[in-house]
Amino acid sequence: MIEPSEPDTAESDVLDRIIKAGPAGAVSVSFVATIVVFGIWFAFYLFVFLPRVSP
């Protein structure tokens, strides 16, 4: 059976920093995508639905 060796502490520290910073990028991308979708919906509402309803 192969025994796992101790991980290099410098490499482990770098990986820990990358993992801690990872979700922040995903959250910011999802926030921007949500804002874009909401903006498109709002523009569609203003330029398509409201002109049809008003006399």
N, C-alpha and C. Protein backbone atom coordinates (compact mmCIF):
# COMPACT_ATOMS: atom_id res chain seq x y z
N MET A 1 0.84 -1.17 0.00
CA MET A 1 0.00 0.00 0.00
C MET A 1 0.89 1.24 0.00
N ILE A 2 0.48 2.23 -0.77
CA ILE A 2 1.28 3.45 -0.87
C ILE A 2 0.86 4.41 0.23
N GLU A 3 1.83 4.87 0.97
CA GLU A 3 1.58 5.83 2.03
C GLU A 3 1.61 7.24 1.46
N PRO A 4 0.61 8.06 1.76
CA PRO A 4 0.66 9.44 1.26
C PRO A 4 1.75 10.23 1.96
N SER A 5 2.46 11.00 1.20
CA SER A 5 3.52 11.83 1.80
C SER A 5 2.92 13.14 2.28
N GLU A 6 3.63 13.80 3.14
CA GLU A 6 3.18 15.10 3.63
C GLU A 6 3.21 16.11 2.50
N PRO A 7 2.15 16.88 2.31
CA PRO A 7 2.16 17.88 1.24
C PRO A 7 3.13 19.01 1.55
N ASP A 8 3.67 19.58 0.50
CA ASP A 8 4.57 20.72 0.64
C ASP A 8 3.77 21.89 1.21
N THR A 9 4.27 22.50 2.28
CA THR A 9 3.50 23.55 2.93
C THR A 9 3.36 24.79 2.06
N ALA A 10 4.37 25.12 1.26
CA ALA A 10 4.27 26.29 0.38
C ALA A 10 3.18 26.06 -0.67
N GLU A 11 3.18 24.86 -1.24
CA GLU A 11 2.16 24.53 -2.24
C GLU A 11 0.77 24.50 -1.60
N SER A 12 0.69 23.99 -0.41
CA SER A 12 -0.58 23.92 0.30
C SER A 12 -1.12 25.33 0.60
N ASP A 13 -0.23 26.24 0.99
CA ASP A 13 -0.65 27.61 1.26
C ASP A 13 -1.17 28.30 0.00
N VAL A 14 -0.51 28.06 -1.12
CA VAL A 14 -0.96 28.65 -2.39
C VAL A 14 -2.33 28.10 -2.76
N LEU A 15 -2.51 26.80 -2.62
CA LEU A 15 -3.80 26.20 -2.94
C LEU A 15 -4.91 26.71 -2.03
N ASP A 16 -4.60 26.90 -0.76
CA ASP A 16 -5.60 27.44 0.17
C ASP A 16 -6.04 28.84 -0.24
N ARG A 17 -5.09 29.68 -0.66
CA ARG A 17 -5.45 31.03 -1.09
C ARG A 17 -6.30 31.00 -2.36
N ILE A 18 -5.98 30.11 -3.28
CA ILE A 18 -6.75 30.01 -4.53
C ILE A 18 -8.17 29.53 -4.24
N ILE A 19 -8.30 28.55 -3.38
CA ILE A 19 -9.62 28.00 -3.06
C ILE A 19 -10.47 29.04 -2.33
N LYS A 20 -9.87 29.82 -1.44
CA LYS A 20 -10.63 30.85 -0.73
C LYS A 20 -11.09 31.97 -1.65
N ALA A 21 -10.31 32.28 -2.68
CA ALA A 21 -10.67 33.36 -3.61
C ALA A 21 -11.57 32.88 -4.73
N GLY A 22 -11.71 31.59 -4.92
CA GLY A 22 -12.48 31.05 -6.04
C GLY A 22 -13.93 31.46 -6.11
N PRO A 23 -14.72 31.28 -5.04
CA PRO A 23 -16.14 31.59 -5.13
C PRO A 23 -16.45 33.06 -5.37
N ALA A 24 -15.56 33.96 -5.02
CA ALA A 24 -15.83 35.38 -5.22
C ALA A 24 -16.01 35.69 -6.71
N GLY A 25 -15.22 35.08 -7.55
CA GLY A 25 -15.36 35.29 -8.99
C GLY A 25 -16.67 34.75 -9.52
N ALA A 26 -17.07 33.61 -9.06
CA ALA A 26 -18.34 33.02 -9.50
C ALA A 26 -19.52 33.85 -9.05
N VAL A 27 -19.45 34.38 -7.85
CA VAL A 27 -20.53 35.22 -7.35
C VAL A 27 -20.63 36.50 -8.15
N SER A 28 -19.49 37.10 -8.48
CA SER A 28 -19.53 38.35 -9.25
C SER A 28 -20.04 38.11 -10.66
N VAL A 29 -19.68 36.99 -11.28
CA VAL A 29 -20.19 36.69 -12.63
C VAL A 29 -21.70 36.47 -12.58
N SER A 30 -22.19 35.76 -11.59
CA SER A 30 -23.63 35.54 -11.50
C SER A 30 -24.38 36.84 -11.21
N PHE A 31 -23.78 37.73 -10.43
CA PHE A 31 -24.40 39.03 -10.16
C PHE A 31 -24.51 39.85 -11.44
N VAL A 32 -23.44 39.90 -12.23
CA VAL A 32 -23.46 40.65 -13.49
C VAL A 32 -24.48 40.04 -14.45
N ALA A 33 -24.53 38.73 -14.53
CA ALA A 33 -25.50 38.07 -15.42
C ALA A 33 -26.93 38.38 -15.00
N THR A 34 -27.19 38.40 -13.71
CA THR A 34 -28.53 38.73 -13.22
C THR A 34 -28.90 40.16 -13.56
N ILE A 35 -27.97 41.08 -13.40
CA ILE A 35 -28.23 42.48 -13.75
C ILE A 35 -28.51 42.62 -15.24
N VAL A 36 -27.76 41.92 -16.08
CA VAL A 36 -27.98 41.98 -17.53
C VAL A 36 -29.37 41.45 -17.89
N VAL A 37 -29.74 40.32 -17.32
CA VAL A 37 -31.06 39.74 -17.61
C VAL A 37 -32.17 40.68 -17.15
N PHE A 38 -32.02 41.26 -15.97
CA PHE A 38 -33.02 42.20 -15.48
C PHE A 38 -33.10 43.43 -16.38
N GLY A 39 -31.97 43.93 -16.84
CA GLY A 39 -31.96 45.08 -17.75
C GLY A 39 -32.65 44.78 -19.06
N ILE A 40 -32.42 43.61 -19.62
CA ILE A 40 -33.09 43.22 -20.86
C ILE A 40 -34.60 43.10 -20.64
N TRP A 41 -35.00 42.50 -19.53
CA TRP A 41 -36.42 42.37 -19.22
C TRP A 41 -37.07 43.74 -19.07
N PHE A 42 -36.41 44.65 -18.36
CA PHE A 42 -36.94 45.99 -18.14
C PHE A 42 -37.07 46.76 -19.46
N ALA A 43 -36.06 46.66 -20.33
CA ALA A 43 -36.13 47.33 -21.63
C ALA A 43 -37.27 46.75 -22.47
N PHE A 44 -37.42 45.44 -22.47
CA PHE A 44 -38.50 44.79 -23.21
C PHE A 44 -39.85 45.27 -22.68
N TYR A 45 -39.98 45.36 -21.38
CA TYR A 45 -41.23 45.83 -20.78
C TYR A 45 -41.53 47.27 -21.21
N LEU A 46 -40.52 48.14 -21.17
CA LEU A 46 -40.74 49.54 -21.52
C LEU A 46 -41.06 49.73 -23.00
N PHE A 47 -40.34 49.03 -23.87
CA PHE A 47 -40.46 49.29 -25.30
C PHE A 47 -41.48 48.40 -26.03
N VAL A 48 -41.96 47.34 -25.39
CA VAL A 48 -42.92 46.45 -26.05
C VAL A 48 -44.26 46.46 -25.33
N PHE A 49 -44.28 46.19 -24.04
CA PHE A 49 -45.56 46.08 -23.34
C PHE A 49 -46.24 47.42 -23.11
N LEU A 50 -45.52 48.41 -22.63
CA LEU A 50 -46.15 49.69 -22.33
C LEU A 50 -46.72 50.39 -23.56
N PRO A 51 -46.05 50.41 -24.71
CA PRO A 51 -46.65 51.04 -25.88
C PRO A 51 -47.94 50.34 -26.34
N ARG A 52 -48.08 49.05 -26.13
CA ARG A 52 -49.29 48.34 -26.53
C ARG A 52 -50.46 48.66 -25.61
N VAL A 53 -50.19 48.92 -24.35
CA VAL A 53 -51.25 49.15 -23.37
C VAL A 53 -51.76 50.59 -23.45
N SER A 54 -50.87 51.54 -23.64
CA SER A 54 -51.29 52.95 -23.65
C SER A 54 -52.05 53.27 -24.93
N PRO A 55 -53.13 54.08 -24.80
CA PRO A 55 -53.99 54.36 -25.97
C PRO A 55 -53.36 55.29 -26.98
